[in-house]
């Protein structure tokens, strides 16, 4: 059984989505269900997506001094 069949959705691939302009972010458990063309908050088209593997975890941090910090690791 493929991952898309096992979760009942389209692609079954998880992604982290980040707007480069306003720093809105989301974790999407099915990348086929997101609009990665523009930010849902500010409408900008500077959107980045990062794949998240099933055995990965990540931390998201934002500060005025350092900006956006992403830390990825294994579970």
PDB file of N, CA and C in Angstrom:
ATOM      1  N   UNK A   1       0.842  -1.178   0.000  1.00  0.00           N
ATOM      2  CA  UNK A   1       0.000   0.000   0.000  1.00  0.00           C
ATOM      3  C   UNK A   1       0.888   1.242   0.000  1.00  0.00           C
ATOM      4  N   UNK A   2       0.624   2.194  -0.883  1.00  0.00           N
ATOM      5  CA  UNK A   2       1.424   3.419  -0.940  1.00  0.00           C
ATOM      6  C   UNK A   2       0.999   4.374   0.158  1.00  0.00           C
ATOM      7  N   UNK A   3       1.832   5.394   0.413  1.00  0.00           N
ATOM      8  CA  UNK A   3       1.517   6.362   1.462  1.00  0.00           C
ATOM      9  C   UNK A   3       0.251   7.144   1.140  1.00  0.00           C
ATOM     10  N   UNK A   4      -0.015   7.407  -0.137  1.00  0.00           N
ATOM     11  CA  UNK A   4      -1.226   8.146  -0.480  1.00  0.00           C
ATOM     12  C   UNK A   4      -2.463   7.300  -0.262  1.00  0.00           C
ATOM     13  N   UNK A   5      -2.359   5.981  -0.436  1.00  0.00           N
ATOM     14  CA  UNK A   5      -3.490   5.108  -0.171  1.00  0.00           C
ATOM     15  C   UNK A   5      -3.704   4.948   1.322  1.00  0.00           C
ATOM     16  N   UNK A   6      -2.631   4.939   2.086  1.00  0.00           N
ATOM     17  CA  UNK A   6      -2.749   4.691   3.513  1.00  0.00           C
ATOM     18  C   UNK A   6      -3.370   5.855   4.263  1.00  0.00           C
ATOM     19  N   UNK A   7      -3.198   7.099   3.777  1.00  0.00           N
ATOM     20  CA  UNK A   7      -3.775   8.216   4.517  1.00  0.00           C
ATOM     21  C   UNK A   7      -5.086   8.723   3.918  1.00  0.00           C
ATOM     22  N   UNK A   8      -5.502   8.198   2.793  1.00  0.00           N
ATOM     23  CA  UNK A   8      -6.771   8.583   2.208  1.00  0.00           C
ATOM     24  C   UNK A   8      -6.762   9.912   1.477  1.00  0.00           C
ATOM     25  N   UNK A   9      -5.608  10.511   1.270  1.00  0.00           N
ATOM     26  CA  UNK A   9      -5.509  11.783   0.579  1.00  0.00           C
ATOM     27  C   UNK A   9      -4.725  11.601  -0.716  1.00  0.00           C
ATOM     28  N   UNK A  10      -4.390  12.727  -1.357  1.00  0.00           N
ATOM     29  CA  UNK A  10      -3.696  12.697  -2.637  1.00  0.00           C
ATOM     30  C   UNK A  10      -2.275  12.199  -2.586  1.00  0.00           C
ATOM     31  N   UNK A  11      -1.327  13.094  -2.383  1.00  0.00           N
ATOM     32  CA  UNK A  11       0.084  12.734  -2.506  1.00  0.00           C
ATOM     33  C   UNK A  11       0.638  12.006  -1.289  1.00  0.00           C
ATOM     34  N   UNK A  12       0.133  12.303  -0.097  1.00  0.00           N
ATOM     35  CA  UNK A  12       0.656  11.702   1.113  1.00  0.00           C
ATOM     36  C   UNK A  12       1.994  12.247   1.548  1.00  0.00           C
ATOM     37  N   UNK A  13       2.527  13.232   0.853  1.00  0.00           N
ATOM     38  CA  UNK A  13       3.827  13.811   1.198  1.00  0.00           C
ATOM     39  C   UNK A  13       3.623  15.053   2.056  1.00  0.00           C
ATOM     40  N   UNK A  14       4.313  15.099   3.193  1.00  0.00           N
ATOM     41  CA  UNK A  14       4.222  16.250   4.092  1.00  0.00           C
ATOM     42  C   UNK A  14       5.242  17.305   3.698  1.00  0.00           C
ATOM     43  N   UNK A  15       4.858  18.575   3.823  1.00  0.00           N
ATOM     44  CA  UNK A  15       5.767  19.677   3.519  1.00  0.00           C
ATOM     45  C   UNK A  15       5.585  20.797   4.538  1.00  0.00           C
ATOM     46  N   UNK A  16       6.648  21.553   4.743  1.00  0.00           N
ATOM     47  CA  UNK A  16       6.613  22.775   5.526  1.00  0.00           C
ATOM     48  C   UNK A  16       6.571  23.910   4.520  1.00  0.00           C
ATOM     49  N   UNK A  17       5.616  24.822   4.657  1.00  0.00           N
ATOM     50  CA  UNK A  17       5.425  25.935   3.720  1.00  0.00           C
ATOM     51  C   UNK A  17       5.761  27.234   4.443  1.00  0.00           C
ATOM     52  N   UNK A  18       6.554  28.101   3.802  1.00  0.00           N
ATOM     53  CA  UNK A  18       6.987  29.353   4.423  1.00  0.00           C
ATOM     54  C   UNK A  18       6.899  30.492   3.417  1.00  0.00           C
ATOM     55  N   UNK A  19       6.251  31.594   3.817  1.00  0.00           N
ATOM     56  CA  UNK A  19       6.227  32.806   2.999  1.00  0.00           C
ATOM     57  C   UNK A  19       7.491  33.593   3.298  1.00  0.00           C
ATOM     58  N   UNK A  20       8.241  33.912   2.265  1.00  0.00           N
ATOM     59  CA  UNK A  20       9.498  34.653   2.419  1.00  0.00           C
ATOM     60  C   UNK A  20       9.264  36.121   2.783  1.00  0.00           C
ATOM     61  N   UNK A  21       8.043  36.610   2.602  1.00  0.00           N
ATOM     62  CA  UNK A  21       7.740  38.019   2.853  1.00  0.00           C
ATOM     63  C   UNK A  21       7.211  38.269   4.264  1.00  0.00           C
ATOM     64  N   UNK A  22       6.112  37.599   4.638  1.00  0.00           N
ATOM     65  CA  UNK A  22       5.496  37.863   5.946  1.00  0.00           C
ATOM     66  C   UNK A  22       5.796  36.781   6.978  1.00  0.00           C
ATOM     67  N   UNK A  23       6.494  35.710   6.570  1.00  0.00           N
ATOM     68  CA  UNK A  23       6.903  34.599   7.426  1.00  0.00           C
ATOM     69  C   UNK A  23       5.739  33.755   7.935  1.00  0.00           C
ATOM     70  N   UNK A  24       4.580  33.845   7.276  1.00  0.00           N
ATOM     71  CA  UNK A  24       3.507  32.900   7.563  1.00  0.00           C
ATOM     72  C   UNK A  24       4.039  31.507   7.255  1.00  0.00           C
ATOM     73  N   UNK A  25       3.648  30.532   8.043  1.00  0.00           N
ATOM     74  CA  UNK A  25       4.103  29.169   7.797  1.00  0.00           C
ATOM     75  C   UNK A  25       3.016  28.172   8.161  1.00  0.00           C
ATOM     76  N   UNK A  26       3.152  26.989   7.609  1.00  0.00           N
ATOM     77  CA  UNK A  26       2.221  25.904   7.899  1.00  0.00           C
ATOM     78  C   UNK A  26       2.904  24.581   7.619  1.00  0.00           C
ATOM     79  N   UNK A  27       2.454  23.562   8.308  1.00  0.00           N
ATOM     80  CA  UNK A  27       2.852  22.195   8.008  1.00  0.00           C
ATOM     81  C   UNK A  27       1.664  21.547   7.320  1.00  0.00           C
ATOM     82  N   UNK A  28       1.881  21.041   6.125  1.00  0.00           N
ATOM     83  CA  UNK A  28       0.807  20.405   5.354  1.00  0.00           C
ATOM     84  C   UNK A  28       1.126  18.918   5.235  1.00  0.00           C
ATOM     85  N   UNK A  29       0.171  18.096   5.638  1.00  0.00           N
ATOM     86  CA  UNK A  29       0.385  16.661   5.627  1.00  0.00           C
ATOM     87  C   UNK A  29       0.084  16.030   4.275  1.00  0.00           C
ATOM     88  N   UNK A  30      -0.412  16.825   3.341  1.00  0.00           N
ATOM     89  CA  UNK A  30      -0.682  16.353   1.978  1.00  0.00           C
ATOM     90  C   UNK A  30      -0.417  17.516   1.039  1.00  0.00           C
ATOM     91  N   UNK A  31       0.766  17.522   0.398  1.00  0.00           N
ATOM     92  CA  UNK A  31       1.170  18.686  -0.403  1.00  0.00           C
ATOM     93  C   UNK A  31       0.274  18.933  -1.607  1.00  0.00           C
ATOM     94  N   UNK A  32      -0.506  17.958  -2.025  1.00  0.00           N
ATOM     95  CA  UNK A  32      -1.403  18.173  -3.161  1.00  0.00           C
ATOM     96  C   UNK A  32      -2.599  19.049  -2.778  1.00  0.00           C
ATOM     97  N   UNK A  33      -2.809  19.283  -1.488  1.00  0.00           N
ATOM     98  CA  UNK A  33      -3.951  20.062  -1.016  1.00  0.00           C
ATOM     99  C   UNK A  33      -3.604  21.517  -0.705  1.00  0.00           C
ATOM    100  N   UNK A  34      -2.388  21.965  -1.049  1.00  0.00           N
ATOM    101  CA  UNK A  34      -2.003  23.349  -0.775  1.00  0.00           C
ATOM    102  C   UNK A  34      -1.808  24.119  -2.072  1.00  0.00           C
ATOM    103  N   UNK A  35      -1.985  25.419  -1.989  1.00  0.00           N
ATOM    104  CA  UNK A  35      -1.704  26.302  -3.114  1.00  0.00           C
ATOM    105  C   UNK A  35      -0.348  26.930  -2.855  1.00  0.00           C
ATOM    106  N   UNK A  36       0.687  26.384  -3.467  1.00  0.00           N
ATOM    107  CA  UNK A  36       2.037  26.896  -3.223  1.00  0.00           C
ATOM    108  C   UNK A  36       2.405  28.026  -4.178  1.00  0.00           C
ATOM    109  N   UNK A  37       1.407  28.586  -4.850  1.00  0.00           N
ATOM    110  CA  UNK A  37       1.659  29.685  -5.778  1.00  0.00           C
ATOM    111  C   UNK A  37       1.730  31.040  -5.075  1.00  0.00           C
ATOM    112  N   UNK A  38       0.973  31.197  -3.961  1.00  0.00           N
ATOM    113  CA  UNK A  38       0.977  32.485  -3.268  1.00  0.00           C
ATOM    114  C   UNK A  38       0.626  32.290  -1.796  1.00  0.00           C
ATOM    115  N   UNK A  39       1.043  33.246  -0.996  1.00  0.00           N
ATOM    116  CA  UNK A  39       0.795  33.223   0.440  1.00  0.00           C
ATOM    117  C   UNK A  39      -0.684  33.481   0.717  1.00  0.00           C
ATOM    118  N   UNK A  40      -1.256  32.729   1.642  1.00  0.00           N
ATOM    119  CA  UNK A  40      -2.672  32.910   1.986  1.00  0.00           C
ATOM    120  C   UNK A  40      -2.901  34.148   2.844  1.00  0.00           C
ATOM    121  N   UNK A  41      -1.841  34.706   3.411  1.00  0.00           N
ATOM    122  CA  UNK A  41      -1.969  35.897   4.255  1.00  0.00           C
ATOM    123  C   UNK A  41      -1.697  37.179   3.468  1.00  0.00           C
ATOM    124  N   UNK A  42      -0.520  37.289   2.853  1.00  0.00           N
ATOM    125  CA  UNK A  42      -0.136  38.539   2.189  1.00  0.00           C
ATOM    126  C   UNK A  42      -0.278  38.490   0.665  1.00  0.00           C
ATOM    127  N   UNK A  43      -0.483  37.302   0.093  1.00  0.00           N
ATOM    128  CA  UNK A  43      -0.667  37.188  -1.354  1.00  0.00           C
ATOM    129  C   UNK A  43       0.616  37.186  -2.166  1.00  0.00           C
ATOM    130  N   UNK A  44       1.761  37.303  -1.500  1.00  0.00           N
ATOM    131  CA  UNK A  44       3.034  37.319  -2.210  1.00  0.00           C
ATOM    132  C   UNK A  44       3.326  35.950  -2.817  1.00  0.00           C
ATOM    133  N   UNK A  45       4.094  35.937  -3.885  1.00  0.00           N
ATOM    134  CA  UNK A  45       4.417  34.674  -4.558  1.00  0.00           C
ATOM    135  C   UNK A  45       5.765  34.095  -4.138  1.00  0.00           C
ATOM    136  N   UNK A  46       6.415  34.700  -3.154  1.00  0.00           N
ATOM    137  CA  UNK A  46       7.706  34.192  -2.668  1.00  0.00           C
ATOM    138  C   UNK A  46       7.448  33.132  -1.599  1.00  0.00           C
ATOM    139  N   UNK A  47       7.092  31.929  -2.035  1.00  0.00           N
ATOM    140  CA  UNK A  47       6.763  30.819  -1.145  1.00  0.00           C
ATOM    141  C   UNK A  47       7.829  29.736  -1.265  1.00  0.00           C
ATOM    142  N   UNK A  48       8.291  29.243  -0.130  1.00  0.00           N
ATOM    143  CA  UNK A  48       9.237  28.131  -0.118  1.00  0.00           C
ATOM    144  C   UNK A  48       8.556  26.919   0.503  1.00  0.00           C
ATOM    145  N   UNK A  49       8.873  25.746  -0.019  1.00  0.00           N
ATOM    146  CA  UNK A  49       8.372  24.509   0.572  1.00  0.00           C
ATOM    147  C   UNK A  49       9.549  23.580   0.846  1.00  0.00           C
ATOM    148  N   UNK A  50       9.475  22.891   1.974  1.00  0.00           N
ATOM    149  CA  UNK A  50      10.514  21.951   2.383  1.00  0.00           C
ATOM    150  C   UNK A  50       9.851  20.610   2.648  1.00  0.00           C
ATOM    151  N   UNK A  51      10.307  19.539   2.011  1.00  0.00           N
ATOM    152  CA  UNK A  51       9.715  18.225   2.289  1.00  0.00           C
ATOM    153  C   UNK A  51      10.041  17.767   3.713  1.00  0.00           C
ATOM    154  N   UNK A  52       9.105  17.078   4.324  1.00  0.00           N
ATOM    155  CA  UNK A  52       9.302  16.517   5.654  1.00  0.00           C
ATOM    156  C   UNK A  52       9.134  15.003   5.533  1.00  0.00           C
ATOM    157  N   UNK A  53      10.195  14.271   5.814  1.00  0.00           N
ATOM    158  CA  UNK A  53      10.138  12.816   5.754  1.00  0.00           C
ATOM    159  C   UNK A  53       9.443  12.270   7.000  1.00  0.00           C
ATOM    160  N   UNK A  54       8.858  11.075   6.905  1.00  0.00           N
ATOM    161  CA  UNK A  54       8.134  10.510   8.054  1.00  0.00           C
ATOM    162  C   UNK A  54       8.987  10.368   9.316  1.00  0.00           C
ATOM    163  N   UNK A  55      10.299  10.205   9.178  1.00  0.00           N
ATOM    164  CA  UNK A  55      11.166  10.050  10.351  1.00  0.00           C
ATOM    165  C   UNK A  55      11.854  11.347  10.756  1.00  0.00           C
ATOM    166  N   UNK A  56      11.386  12.497  10.230  1.00  0.00           N
ATOM    167  CA  UNK A  56      11.979  13.795  10.553  1.00  0.00           C
ATOM    168  C   UNK A  56      11.062  14.607  11.452  1.00  0.00           C
ATOM    169  N   UNK A  57      11.688  15.489  12.205  1.00  0.00           N
ATOM    170  CA  UNK A  57      10.965  16.493  12.963  1.00  0.00           C
ATOM    171  C   UNK A  57      11.683  17.824  12.754  1.00  0.00           C
ATOM    172  N   UNK A  58      11.000  18.917  13.054  1.00  0.00           N
ATOM    173  CA  UNK A  58      11.646  20.213  12.874  1.00  0.00           C
ATOM    174  C   UNK A  58      11.123  21.209  13.886  1.00  0.00           C
ATOM    175  N   UNK A  59      11.914  22.235  14.110  1.00  0.00           N
ATOM    176  CA  UNK A  59      11.529  23.353  14.963  1.00  0.00           C
ATOM    177  C   UNK A  59      11.631  24.626  14.137  1.00  0.00           C
ATOM    178  N   UNK A  60      10.665  25.507  14.311  1.00  0.00           N
ATOM    179  CA  UNK A  60      10.595  26.784  13.618  1.00  0.00           C
ATOM    180  C   UNK A  60      10.714  27.875  14.666  1.00  0.00           C
ATOM    181  N   UNK A  61      11.601  28.828  14.423  1.00  0.00           N
ATOM    182  CA  UNK A  61      11.781  29.941  15.340  1.00  0.00           C
ATOM    183  C   UNK A  61      11.925  31.225  14.533  1.00  0.00           C
ATOM    184  N   UNK A  62      11.387  32.316  15.049  1.00  0.00           N
ATOM    185  CA  UNK A  62      11.533  33.610  14.375  1.00  0.00           C
ATOM    186  C   UNK A  62      11.883  34.669  15.405  1.00  0.00           C
ATOM    187  N   UNK A  63      12.862  35.505  15.071  1.00  0.00           N
ATOM    188  CA  UNK A  63      13.193  36.656  15.902  1.00  0.00           C
ATOM    189  C   UNK A  63      13.557  37.812  14.988  1.00  0.00           C
ATOM    190  N   UNK A  64      13.374  39.016  15.489  1.00  0.00           N
ATOM    191  CA  UNK A  64      13.725  40.208  14.708  1.00  0.00           C
ATOM    192  C   UNK A  64      15.222  40.217  14.381  1.00  0.00           C
ATOM    193  N   UNK A  65      16.021  39.777  15.316  1.00  0.00           N
ATOM    194  CA  UNK A  65      17.467  39.819  15.145  1.00  0.00           C
ATOM    195  C   UNK A  65      17.975  38.781  14.140  1.00  0.00           C
ATOM    196  N   UNK A  66      17.476  37.545  14.242  1.00  0.00           N
ATOM    197  CA  UNK A  66      18.003  36.459  13.422  1.00  0.00           C
ATOM    198  C   UNK A  66      17.107  36.074  12.245  1.00  0.00           C
ATOM    199  N   UNK A  67      15.877  36.528  12.240  1.00  0.00           N
ATOM    200  CA  UNK A  67      14.937  36.143  11.186  1.00  0.00           C
ATOM    201  C   UNK A  67      14.399  34.744  11.436  1.00  0.00           C
ATOM    202  N   UNK A  68      14.149  34.000  10.367  1.00  0.00           N
ATOM    203  CA  UNK A  68      13.580  32.662  10.479  1.00  0.00           C
ATOM    204  C   UNK A  68      14.709  31.643  10.649  1.00  0.00           C
ATOM    205  N   UNK A  69      14.536  30.782  11.641  1.00  0.00           N
ATOM    206  CA  UNK A  69      15.480  29.695  11.877  1.00  0.00           C
ATOM    207  C   UNK A  69      14.707  28.377  11.830  1.00  0.00           C
ATOM    208  N   UNK A  70      15.163  27.465  10.997  1.00  0.00           N
ATOM    209  CA  UNK A  70      14.580  26.129  10.915  1.00  0.00           C
ATOM    210  C   UNK A  70      15.622  25.118  11.359  1.00  0.00           C
ATOM    211  N   UNK A  71      15.205  24.197  12.201  1.00  0.00           N
ATOM    212  CA  UNK A  71      16.120  23.156  12.659  1.00  0.00           C
ATOM    213  C   UNK A  71      15.473  21.802  12.388  1.00  0.00           C
ATOM    214  N   UNK A  72      16.111  20.993  11.540  1.00  0.00           N
ATOM    215  CA  UNK A  72      15.593  19.682  11.187  1.00  0.00           C
ATOM    216  C   UNK A  72      16.415  18.595  11.866  1.00  0.00           C
ATOM    217  N   UNK A  73      15.779  17.500  12.223  1.00  0.00           N
ATOM    218  CA  UNK A  73      16.475  16.381  12.842  1.00  0.00           C
ATOM    219  C   UNK A  73      15.659  15.111  12.711  1.00  0.00           C
ATOM    220  N   UNK A  74      16.225  14.015  13.141  1.00  0.00           N
ATOM    221  CA  UNK A  74      15.516  12.737  13.114  1.00  0.00           C
ATOM    222  C   UNK A  74      14.726  12.560  14.395  1.00  0.00           C
ATOM    223  N   UNK A  75      13.598  11.869  14.292  1.00  0.00           N
ATOM    224  CA  UNK A  75      12.763  11.600  15.467  1.00  0.00           C
ATOM    225  C   UNK A  75      13.438  10.599  16.365  1.00  0.00           C
TER     226      UNK A  75
END
